[in-house]
PDB file of N, CA and C in Angstrom:
ATOM      1  N   MET A   1       5.923  49.548  -2.278  1.00  0.00           N
ATOM      2  CA  MET A   1       6.463  49.207  -1.174  1.00  0.00           C
ATOM      3  C   MET A   1       5.515  48.226  -0.930  1.00  0.00           C
ATOM      4  N   GLN A   2       3.484  48.079  -1.226  1.00  0.00           N
ATOM      5  CA  GLN A   2       3.159  47.547  -0.396  1.00  0.00           C
ATOM      6  C   GLN A   2       3.509  45.606  -1.001  1.00  0.00           C
ATOM      7  N   TYR A   3       3.911  45.569  -1.776  1.00  0.00           N
ATOM      8  CA  TYR A   3       4.393  44.707  -2.833  1.00  0.00           C
ATOM      9  C   TYR A   3       5.382  43.971  -1.988  1.00  0.00           C
ATOM     10  N   ALA A   4       6.606  44.718  -1.597  1.00  0.00           N
ATOM     11  CA  ALA A   4       7.899  44.623  -1.380  1.00  0.00           C
ATOM     12  C   ALA A   4       7.448  43.598  -0.233  1.00  0.00           C
ATOM     13  N   ALA A   5       6.433  44.506   0.645  1.00  0.00           N
ATOM     14  CA  ALA A   5       6.456  44.449   2.174  1.00  0.00           C
ATOM     15  C   ALA A   5       5.975  42.884   2.289  1.00  0.00           C
ATOM     16  N   THR A   6       5.379  42.260   1.347  1.00  0.00           N
ATOM     17  CA  THR A   6       4.010  41.380   1.411  1.00  0.00           C
ATOM     18  C   THR A   6       5.761  40.665   1.260  1.00  0.00           C
ATOM     19  N   PHE A   7       6.947  40.421   0.966  1.00  0.00           N
ATOM     20  CA  PHE A   7       7.591  39.348   0.053  1.00  0.00           C
ATOM     21  C   PHE A   7       8.617  39.409   1.133  1.00  0.00           C
ATOM     22  N   ASP A   8       8.143  40.627   2.327  1.00  0.00           N
ATOM     23  CA  ASP A   8       9.124  40.822   2.897  1.00  0.00           C
ATOM     24  C   ASP A   8      11.102  41.572   1.668  1.00  0.00           C
ATOM     25  N   PHE A   9      10.565  41.844   1.208  1.00  0.00           N
ATOM     26  CA  PHE A   9      12.104  42.813   0.263  1.00  0.00           C
ATOM     27  C   PHE A   9      12.289  44.063   0.771  1.00  0.00           C
ATOM     28  N   GLN A  10      13.469  43.812   0.282  1.00  0.00           N
ATOM     29  CA  GLN A  10      13.730  45.291   0.560  1.00  0.00           C
ATOM     30  C   GLN A  10      14.132  46.014  -0.320  1.00  0.00           C
ATOM     31  N   VAL A  11      13.758  47.739   0.200  1.00  0.00           N
ATOM     32  CA  VAL A  11      13.721  48.891  -0.633  1.00  0.00           C
ATOM     33  C   VAL A  11      14.035  49.633  -0.593  1.00  0.00           C
ATOM     34  N   TRP A  12      15.439  49.846  -1.886  1.00  0.00           N
ATOM     35  CA  TRP A  12      15.953  50.916  -1.670  1.00  0.00           C
ATOM     36  C   TRP A  12      16.066  51.676  -2.613  1.00  0.00           C
ATOM     37  N   LEU A  13      16.280  52.869  -2.085  1.00  0.00           N
ATOM     38  CA  LEU A  13      16.041  54.439  -2.369  1.00  0.00           C
ATOM     39  C   LEU A  13      16.523  55.207  -2.892  1.00  0.00           C
ATOM     40  N   GLN A  14      16.661  56.711  -2.639  1.00  0.00           N
ATOM     41  CA  GLN A  14      17.530  57.699  -3.010  1.00  0.00           C
ATOM     42  C   GLN A  14      16.462  58.806  -2.312  1.00  0.00           C
ATOM     43  N   ALA A  15      16.225  59.302  -1.279  1.00  0.00           N
ATOM     44  CA  ALA A  15      15.271  60.616  -1.344  1.00  0.00           C
ATOM     45  C   ALA A  15      15.364  61.791  -1.766  1.00  0.00           C
ATOM     46  N   GLN A  16      15.170  61.874  -3.095  1.00  0.00           N
ATOM     47  CA  GLN A  16      14.734  62.896  -3.729  1.00  0.00           C
ATOM     48  C   GLN A  16      14.084  63.614  -4.365  1.00  0.00           C
ATOM     49  N   ASP A  17      13.615  65.076  -4.150  1.00  0.00           N
ATOM     50  CA  ASP A  17      12.655  65.005  -4.579  1.00  0.00           C
ATOM     51  C   ASP A  17      12.435  66.344  -5.569  1.00  0.00           C
ATOM     52  N   PRO A  18      12.272  65.393  -6.964  1.00  0.00           N
ATOM     53  CA  PRO A  18      12.843  65.865  -7.875  1.00  0.00           C
ATOM     54  C   PRO A  18      12.699  67.203  -8.383  1.00  0.00           C
ATOM     55  N   PHE A  19      11.209  67.803  -8.235  1.00  0.00           N
ATOM     56  CA  PHE A  19      10.855  69.366  -8.829  1.00  0.00           C
ATOM     57  C   PHE A  19      11.982  70.505  -7.793  1.00  0.00           C
ATOM     58  N   LEU A  20      12.520  69.789  -6.415  1.00  0.00           N
ATOM     59  CA  LEU A  20      12.876  70.655  -5.897  1.00  0.00           C
ATOM     60  C   LEU A  20      14.653  70.656  -6.335  1.00  0.00           C
ATOM     61  N   ALA A  21      14.953  69.554  -6.643  1.00  0.00           N
ATOM     62  CA  ALA A  21      16.663  68.980  -7.171  1.00  0.00           C
ATOM     63  C   ALA A  21      16.077  69.615  -8.508  1.00  0.00           C
ATOM     64  N   GLN A  22      15.387  70.175  -9.903  1.00  0.00           N
ATOM     65  CA  GLN A  22      15.462  70.291 -10.707  1.00  0.00           C
ATOM     66  C   GLN A  22      16.371  71.110 -11.384  1.00  0.00           C
ATOM     67  N   GLY A  23      17.358  70.982 -12.429  1.00  0.00           N
ATOM     68  CA  GLY A  23      18.444  71.756 -12.573  1.00  0.00           C
ATOM     69  C   GLY A  23      19.836  71.873 -11.603  1.00  0.00           C
ATOM     70  N   CYS A  24      19.597  71.321 -10.566  1.00  0.00           N
ATOM     71  CA  CYS A  24      20.267  71.549  -9.888  1.00  0.00           C
ATOM     72  C   CYS A  24      21.694  70.639  -9.676  1.00  0.00           C
ATOM     73  N   VAL A  25      23.216  70.941  -9.296  1.00  0.00           N
ATOM     74  CA  VAL A  25      24.139  69.682  -9.816  1.00  0.00           C
ATOM     75  C   VAL A  25      25.529  69.541  -8.935  1.00  0.00           C
ATOM     76  N   ALA A  26      24.580  70.383  -7.659  1.00  0.00           N
ATOM     77  CA  ALA A  26      25.004  69.881  -5.914  1.00  0.00           C
ATOM     78  C   ALA A  26      24.604  70.584  -4.776  1.00  0.00           C
ATOM     79  N   HIS A  27      25.508  69.461  -3.853  1.00  0.00           N
ATOM     80  CA  HIS A  27      24.599  69.829  -2.486  1.00  0.00           C
ATOM     81  C   HIS A  27      24.719  70.854  -2.422  1.00  0.00           C
ATOM     82  N   ASP A  28      23.753  72.154  -2.164  1.00  0.00           N
ATOM     83  CA  ASP A  28      23.450  73.235  -1.354  1.00  0.00           C
ATOM     84  C   ASP A  28      24.525  73.355  -0.625  1.00  0.00           C
ATOM     85  N   GLY A  29      25.713  74.813  -1.229  1.00  0.00           N
ATOM     86  CA  GLY A  29      26.223  75.401   0.139  1.00  0.00           C
ATOM     87  C   GLY A  29      27.673  75.980  -0.210  1.00  0.00           C
ATOM     88  N   GLU A  30      28.890  76.148   0.557  1.00  0.00           N
ATOM     89  CA  GLU A  30      30.269  76.727   0.232  1.00  0.00           C
ATOM     90  C   GLU A  30      30.413  75.723  -1.237  1.00  0.00           C
ATOM     91  N   VAL A  31      30.848  75.480  -1.751  1.00  0.00           N
ATOM     92  CA  VAL A  31      31.384  74.771  -2.437  1.00  0.00           C
ATOM     93  C   VAL A  31      30.729  74.793  -3.406  1.00  0.00           C
ATOM     94  N   ALA A  32      29.787  74.693  -3.545  1.00  0.00           N
ATOM     95  CA  ALA A  32      28.819  74.848  -4.896  1.00  0.00           C
ATOM     96  C   ALA A  32      28.056  75.858  -4.849  1.00  0.00           C
ATOM     97  N   THR A  33      28.341  77.020  -4.313  1.00  0.00           N
ATOM     98  CA  THR A  33      28.612  79.269  -4.285  1.00  0.00           C
ATOM     99  C   THR A  33      29.560  79.376  -4.877  1.00  0.00           C
ATOM    100  N   ARG A  34      30.831  78.668  -4.232  1.00  0.00           N
ATOM    101  CA  ARG A  34      31.646  79.029  -5.019  1.00  0.00           C
ATOM    102  C   ARG A  34      32.543  78.693  -6.110  1.00  0.00           C
ATOM    103  N   LEU A  35      32.340  77.230  -6.703  1.00  0.00           N
ATOM    104  CA  LEU A  35      32.173  76.827  -8.318  1.00  0.00           C
ATOM    105  C   LEU A  35      30.719  77.518  -8.566  1.00  0.00           C
ATOM    106  N   GLY A  36      30.216  78.163  -8.731  1.00  0.00           N
ATOM    107  CA  GLY A  36      29.527  78.824  -9.560  1.00  0.00           C
ATOM    108  C   GLY A  36      28.291  77.772  -9.635  1.00  0.00           C
ATOM    109  N   LEU A  37      28.057  76.516  -8.873  1.00  0.00           N
ATOM    110  CA  LEU A  37      27.130  75.917  -8.924  1.00  0.00           C
ATOM    111  C   LEU A  37      26.076  75.795  -8.420  1.00  0.00           C
ATOM    112  N   SER A  38      24.529  75.564  -9.304  1.00  0.00           N
ATOM    113  CA  SER A  38      22.870  75.141  -8.687  1.00  0.00           C
ATOM    114  C   SER A  38      22.998  74.412  -7.750  1.00  0.00           C
ATOM    115  N   GLY A  39      22.522  74.442  -6.161  1.00  0.00           N
ATOM    116  CA  GLY A  39      22.702  73.968  -5.069  1.00  0.00           C
ATOM    117  C   GLY A  39      20.847  73.245  -5.209  1.00  0.00           C
ATOM    118  N   ILE A  40      21.538  71.868  -5.211  1.00  0.00           N
ATOM    119  CA  ILE A  40      20.457  70.587  -4.216  1.00  0.00           C
ATOM    120  C   ILE A  40      19.628  71.728  -3.050  1.00  0.00           C
ATOM    121  N   PRO A  41      19.086  72.107  -2.970  1.00  0.00           N
ATOM    122  CA  PRO A  41      18.491  72.733  -1.050  1.00  0.00           C
ATOM    123  C   PRO A  41      18.170  71.344  -0.068  1.00  0.00           C
ATOM    124  N   VAL A  42      18.519  71.287   0.654  1.00  0.00           N
ATOM    125  CA  VAL A  42      18.285  70.585   2.430  1.00  0.00           C
ATOM    126  C   VAL A  42      16.948  69.586   2.139  1.00  0.00           C
ATOM    127  N   SER A  43      15.781  70.826   1.486  1.00  0.00           N
ATOM    128  CA  SER A  43      14.936  70.638   2.107  1.00  0.00           C
ATOM    129  C   SER A  43      14.303  69.159   0.569  1.00  0.00           C
ATOM    130  N   ALA A  44      14.448  69.408  -0.346  1.00  0.00           N
ATOM    131  CA  ALA A  44      14.579  68.291  -1.434  1.00  0.00           C
ATOM    132  C   ALA A  44      14.597  66.455  -0.733  1.00  0.00           C
ATOM    133  N   GLU A  45      15.943  66.907   0.204  1.00  0.00           N
ATOM    134  CA  GLU A  45      16.305  65.402   0.775  1.00  0.00           C
ATOM    135  C   GLU A  45      14.949  65.577   1.520  1.00  0.00           C
ATOM    136  N   THR A  46      15.019  67.034   3.305  1.00  0.00           N
ATOM    137  CA  THR A  46      14.328  65.566   4.078  1.00  0.00           C
ATOM    138  C   THR A  46      12.865  65.800   3.491  1.00  0.00           C
ATOM    139  N   ILE A  47      11.966  66.715   3.049  1.00  0.00           N
ATOM    140  CA  ILE A  47      10.853  66.058   2.173  1.00  0.00           C
ATOM    141  C   ILE A  47      10.455  64.321   1.569  1.00  0.00           C
ATOM    142  N   ALA A  48      11.250  64.862   0.841  1.00  0.00           N
ATOM    143  CA  ALA A  48      10.941  63.366   0.159  1.00  0.00           C
ATOM    144  C   ALA A  48      11.567  61.720   1.100  1.00  0.00           C
ATOM    145  N   LEU A  49      12.137  62.644   2.078  1.00  0.00           N
ATOM    146  CA  LEU A  49      12.276  60.968   3.428  1.00  0.00           C
ATOM    147  C   LEU A  49      11.330  61.780   4.599  1.00  0.00           C
ATOM    148  N   ALA A  50      10.553  62.516   4.400  1.00  0.00           N
ATOM    149  CA  ALA A  50       9.501  62.346   5.043  1.00  0.00           C
ATOM    150  C   ALA A  50       8.110  61.563   4.758  1.00  0.00           C
ATOM    151  N   ASN A  51       8.123  61.566   3.276  1.00  0.00           N
ATOM    152  CA  ASN A  51       7.144  61.308   2.197  1.00  0.00           C
ATOM    153  C   ASN A  51       7.886  59.201   2.270  1.00  0.00           C
ATOM    154  N   VAL A  52       9.389  59.034   2.555  1.00  0.00           N
ATOM    155  CA  VAL A  52       9.194  57.630   1.835  1.00  0.00           C
ATOM    156  C   VAL A  52       8.921  57.222   3.143  1.00  0.00           C
ATOM    157  N   LEU A  53       9.520  58.145   4.874  1.00  0.00           N
ATOM    158  CA  LEU A  53       9.573  57.187   6.241  1.00  0.00           C
ATOM    159  C   LEU A  53       8.016  56.934   6.455  1.00  0.00           C
ATOM    160  N   GLN A  54       7.308  58.000   6.363  1.00  0.00           N
ATOM    161  CA  GLN A  54       5.409  58.482   6.303  1.00  0.00           C
ATOM    162  C   GLN A  54       5.341  56.449   5.549  1.00  0.00           C
ATOM    163  N   LEU A  55       5.028  56.407   4.712  1.00  0.00           N
ATOM    164  CA  LEU A  55       4.540  55.140   3.874  1.00  0.00           C
ATOM    165  C   LEU A  55       5.295  53.923   4.120  1.00  0.00           C
ATOM    166  N   ALA A  56       6.815  53.648   4.566  1.00  0.00           N
ATOM    167  CA  ALA A  56       7.123  52.902   5.220  1.00  0.00           C
ATOM    168  C   ALA A  56       6.869  52.416   6.062  1.00  0.00           C
ATOM    169  N   GLN A  57       6.039  52.929   7.777  1.00  0.00           N
ATOM    170  CA  GLN A  57       5.692  52.893   7.890  1.00  0.00           C
ATOM    171  C   GLN A  57       3.986  52.701   8.180  1.00  0.00           C
ATOM    172  N   GLN A  58       3.383  53.086   7.000  1.00  0.00           N
ATOM    173  CA  GLN A  58       1.917  52.352   6.253  1.00  0.00           C
ATOM    174  C   GLN A  58       1.752  51.000   5.935  1.00  0.00           C
ATOM    175  N   THR A  59       3.212  50.691   5.484  1.00  0.00           N
ATOM    176  CA  THR A  59       3.147  49.597   4.544  1.00  0.00           C
ATOM    177  C   THR A  59       3.917  48.149   5.537  1.00  0.00           C
ATOM    178  N   GLY A  60       4.988  48.533   6.057  1.00  0.00           N
ATOM    179  CA  GLY A  60       5.885  47.736   7.219  1.00  0.00           C
ATOM    180  C   GLY A  60       6.594  47.147   6.076  1.00  0.00           C
ATOM    181  N   VAL A  61       7.145  48.365   4.957  1.00  0.00           N
ATOM    182  CA  VAL A  61       8.641  47.238   4.169  1.00  0.00           C
ATOM    183  C   VAL A  61       9.705  48.088   5.165  1.00  0.00           C
ATOM    184  N   ARG A  62      10.851  46.659   4.901  1.00  0.00           N
ATOM    185  CA  ARG A  62      11.856  47.554   5.288  1.00  0.00           C
ATOM    186  C   ARG A  62      12.762  48.506   3.977  1.00  0.00           C
ATOM    187  N   VAL A  63      13.446  49.416   4.372  1.00  0.00           N
ATOM    188  CA  VAL A  63      13.887  50.646   3.819  1.00  0.00           C
ATOM    189  C   VAL A  63      15.132  50.826   3.431  1.00  0.00           C
ATOM    190  N   HIS A  64      16.232  50.583   2.269  1.00  0.00           N
ATOM    191  CA  HIS A  64      17.243  50.994   2.489  1.00  0.00           C
ATOM    192  C   HIS A  64      17.442  52.428   1.529  1.00  0.00           C
ATOM    193  N   LEU A  65      17.772  53.801   2.271  1.00  0.00           N
ATOM    194  CA  LEU A  65      18.223  54.823   1.995  1.00  0.00           C
ATOM    195  C   LEU A  65      19.365  55.146   1.347  1.00  0.00           C
ATOM    196  N   THR A  66      19.332  55.914   0.115  1.00  0.00           N
ATOM    197  CA  THR A  66      20.755  55.382  -0.969  1.00  0.00           C
ATOM    198  C   THR A  66      21.260  57.524  -0.962  1.00  0.00           C
ATOM    199  N   ARG A  67      22.573  57.296  -0.353  1.00  0.00           N
ATOM    200  CA  ARG A  67      23.413  58.890  -0.383  1.00  0.00           C
ATOM    201  C   ARG A  67      21.886  60.064   0.574  1.00  0.00           C
ATOM    202  N   ILE A  68      22.247  59.665   1.056  1.00  0.00           N
ATOM    203  CA  ILE A  68      21.988  60.840   2.083  1.00  0.00           C
ATOM    204  C   ILE A  68      23.013  61.359   2.325  1.00  0.00           C
ATOM    205  N   SER A  69      23.048  62.740   2.042  1.00  0.00           N
ATOM    206  CA  SER A  69      23.750  63.857   2.609  1.00  0.00           C
ATOM    207  C   SER A  69      23.954  64.938   3.575  1.00  0.00           C
ATOM    208  N   SER A  70      22.880  64.939   4.192  1.00  0.00           N
ATOM    209  CA  SER A  70      22.720  66.251   4.895  1.00  0.00           C
ATOM    210  C   SER A  70      22.284  65.990   6.797  1.00  0.00           C
ATOM    211  N   ALA A  71      22.952  66.526   7.281  1.00  0.00           N
ATOM    212  CA  ALA A  71      22.566  66.188   8.415  1.00  0.00           C
ATOM    213  C   ALA A  71      20.904  65.854   9.464  1.00  0.00           C
ATOM    214  N   ALA A  72      20.485  66.686   8.433  1.00  0.00           N
ATOM    215  CA  ALA A  72      18.679  67.282   8.133  1.00  0.00           C
ATOM    216  C   ALA A  72      18.346  65.981   8.229  1.00  0.00           C
ATOM    217  N   GLY A  73      18.569  65.313   7.249  1.00  0.00           N
ATOM    218  CA  GLY A  73      18.217  63.329   6.523  1.00  0.00           C
ATOM    219  C   GLY A  73      18.823  62.649   7.993  1.00  0.00           C
ATOM    220  N   LEU A  74      19.751  62.720   8.237  1.00  0.00           N
ATOM    221  CA  LEU A  74      20.367  61.356   9.152  1.00  0.00           C
ATOM    222  C   LEU A  74      19.933  62.003  10.533  1.00  0.00           C
ATOM    223  N   ALA A  75      19.598  63.230  10.872  1.00  0.00           N
ATOM    224  CA  ALA A  75      18.084  62.996  11.897  1.00  0.00           C
ATOM    225  C   ALA A  75      17.268  61.813  11.911  1.00  0.00           C
ATOM    226  N   MET A  76      16.351  62.490  10.793  1.00  0.00           N
ATOM    227  CA  MET A  76      15.162  61.960  10.575  1.00  0.00           C
ATOM    228  C   MET A  76      15.156  60.383  10.561  1.00  0.00           C
ATOM    229  N   ILE A  77      16.268  59.996  10.192  1.00  0.00           N
ATOM    230  CA  ILE A  77      16.105  58.598  10.036  1.00  0.00           C
ATOM    231  C   ILE A  77      16.912  57.892  11.423  1.00  0.00           C
ATOM    232  N   ALA A  78      18.229  58.639  12.170  1.00  0.00           N
ATOM    233  CA  ALA A  78      17.689  58.018  13.676  1.00  0.00           C
ATOM    234  C   ALA A  78      16.977  58.822  14.140  1.00  0.00           C
ATOM    235  N   ALA A  79      15.643  59.569  13.970  1.00  0.00           N
ATOM    236  CA  ALA A  79      14.548  59.446  14.361  1.00  0.00           C
ATOM    237  C   ALA A  79      13.805  58.291  14.595  1.00  0.00           C
ATOM    238  N   ALA A  80      13.461  57.841  13.706  1.00  0.00           N
ATOM    239  CA  ALA A  80      12.594  56.706  13.033  1.00  0.00           C
ATOM    240  C   ALA A  80      13.423  55.787  13.361  1.00  0.00           C
ATOM    241  N   ARG A  81      14.636  55.462  13.437  1.00  0.00           N
ATOM    242  CA  ARG A  81      15.389  54.211  14.117  1.00  0.00           C
ATOM    243  C   ARG A  81      15.141  53.856  15.207  1.00  0.00           C
ATOM    244  N   LYS A  82      15.427  55.084  16.296  1.00  0.00           N
ATOM    245  CA  LYS A  82      14.880  55.182  17.965  1.00  0.00           C
ATOM    246  C   LYS A  82      13.560  55.014  18.217  1.00  0.00           C
ATOM    247  N   GLU A  83      12.650  55.726  17.566  1.00  0.00           N
ATOM    248  CA  GLU A  83      11.624  55.098  17.231  1.00  0.00           C
ATOM    249  C   GLU A  83      11.128  53.731  17.542  1.00  0.00           C
ATOM    250  N   ARG A  84      11.190  53.306  17.200  1.00  0.00           N
ATOM    251  CA  ARG A  84      11.712  51.344  15.635  1.00  0.00           C
ATOM    252  C   ARG A  84      11.775  50.946  17.611  1.00  0.00           C
ATOM    253  N   HIS A  85      13.161  51.051  18.445  1.00  0.00           N
ATOM    254  CA  HIS A  85      13.401  50.553  18.702  1.00  0.00           C
ATOM    255  C   HIS A  85      12.410  50.946  19.921  1.00  0.00           C
ATOM    256  N   ARG A  86      12.099  51.802  20.678  1.00  0.00           N
ATOM    257  CA  ARG A  86      11.724  52.269  21.744  1.00  0.00           C
ATOM    258  C   ARG A  86      10.408  51.386  21.882  1.00  0.00           C
ATOM    259  N   ARG A  87       9.671  51.237  21.431  1.00  0.00           N
ATOM    260  CA  ARG A  87       8.738  50.373  19.922  1.00  0.00           C
ATOM    261  C   ARG A  87       8.747  48.952  20.489  1.00  0.00           C
ATOM    262  N   ASP A  88       8.023  48.118  19.809  1.00  0.00           N
ATOM    263  CA  ASP A  88       8.038  47.206  20.019  1.00  0.00           C
ATOM    264  C   ASP A  88       8.540  46.841  18.217  1.00  0.00           C
ATOM    265  N   LEU A  89       9.709  46.006  18.716  1.00  0.00           N
ATOM    266  CA  LEU A  89      10.149  45.732  16.769  1.00  0.00           C
ATOM    267  C   LEU A  89      10.166  45.651  16.057  1.00  0.00           C
ATOM    268  N   ARG A  90       8.351  44.803  16.368  1.00  0.00           N
ATOM    269  CA  ARG A  90       7.664  44.836  14.919  1.00  0.00           C
ATOM    270  C   ARG A  90       6.513  45.892  14.416  1.00  0.00           C
ATOM    271  N   ARG A  91       6.667  46.725  15.220  1.00  0.00           N
ATOM    272  CA  ARG A  91       5.918  48.716  14.437  1.00  0.00           C
ATOM    273  C   ARG A  91       6.890  49.097  14.498  1.00  0.00           C
ATOM    274  N   GLY A  92       6.464  49.947  13.849  1.00  0.00           N
ATOM    275  CA  GLY A  92       7.505  51.045  13.299  1.00  0.00           C
ATOM    276  C   GLY A  92       8.263  50.791  12.246  1.00  0.00           C
ATOM    277  N   VAL A  93       9.795  51.574  11.770  1.00  0.00           N
ATOM    278  CA  VAL A  93      10.641  51.949  10.678  1.00  0.00           C
ATOM    279  C   VAL A  93      10.481  51.150  10.632  1.00  0.00           C
ATOM    280  N   CYS A  94      12.011  50.094   9.968  1.00  0.00           N
ATOM    281  CA  CYS A  94      12.745  49.079   9.967  1.00  0.00           C
ATOM    282  C   CYS A  94      13.680  50.225   8.400  1.00  0.00           C
ATOM    283  N   ILE A  95      14.704  50.489   9.210  1.00  0.00           N
ATOM    284  CA  ILE A  95      15.531  51.418   8.460  1.00  0.00           C
ATOM    285  C   ILE A  95      16.587  51.722   8.124  1.00  0.00           C
ATOM    286  N   THR A  96      17.519  51.460   6.814  1.00  0.00           N
ATOM    287  CA  THR A  96      18.817  51.687   6.790  1.00  0.00           C
ATOM    288  C   THR A  96      19.275  52.652   6.062  1.00  0.00           C
ATOM    289  N   ALA A  97      20.391  52.895   6.281  1.00  0.00           N
ATOM    290  CA  ALA A  97      20.897  54.386   4.794  1.00  0.00           C
ATOM    291  C   ALA A  97      22.286  54.073   4.276  1.00  0.00           C
ATOM    292  N   SER A  98      22.449  54.999   3.786  1.00  0.00           N
ATOM    293  CA  SER A  98      23.952  54.217   3.578  1.00  0.00           C
ATOM    294  C   SER A  98      24.125  56.711   2.999  1.00  0.00           C
ATOM    295  N   LEU A  99      25.363  56.865   3.724  1.00  0.00           N
ATOM    296  CA  LEU A  99      25.595  58.274   3.071  1.00  0.00           C
ATOM    297  C   LEU A  99      26.986  58.022   1.671  1.00  0.00           C
ATOM    298  N   ARG A 100      26.140  59.763   1.999  1.00  0.00           N
ATOM    299  CA  ARG A 100      27.197  60.092   0.356  1.00  0.00           C
ATOM    300  C   ARG A 100      28.259  60.432  -0.107  1.00  0.00           C
ATOM    301  N   SER A 101      29.634  60.357  -0.024  1.00  0.00           N
ATOM    302  CA  SER A 101      30.602  60.836   0.287  1.00  0.00           C
ATOM    303  C   SER A 101      30.894  61.894  -0.683  1.00  0.00           C
TER     304      SER A 101
END
């Protein structure tokens, strides 16, 4: 991230903790339960997202997060964006995101 920030590159990441998502195949919820699939817990996304946001804050890198799948993750991103606009735009996390369909 630090290297990318040096050249003002945008880093694209998928926020998912591999340990928490290990062996899981679908977003945890009613459909996964009905189909008998092991669900990826929301915490797999939010924990990884917290790490990315903290590192982006420290390095100043621009980040695009792909495949956001939870309301909690979206709320974290919205809060980070709001914080950036509340403070000086040169400080804070420059973040964009796309949602999982």
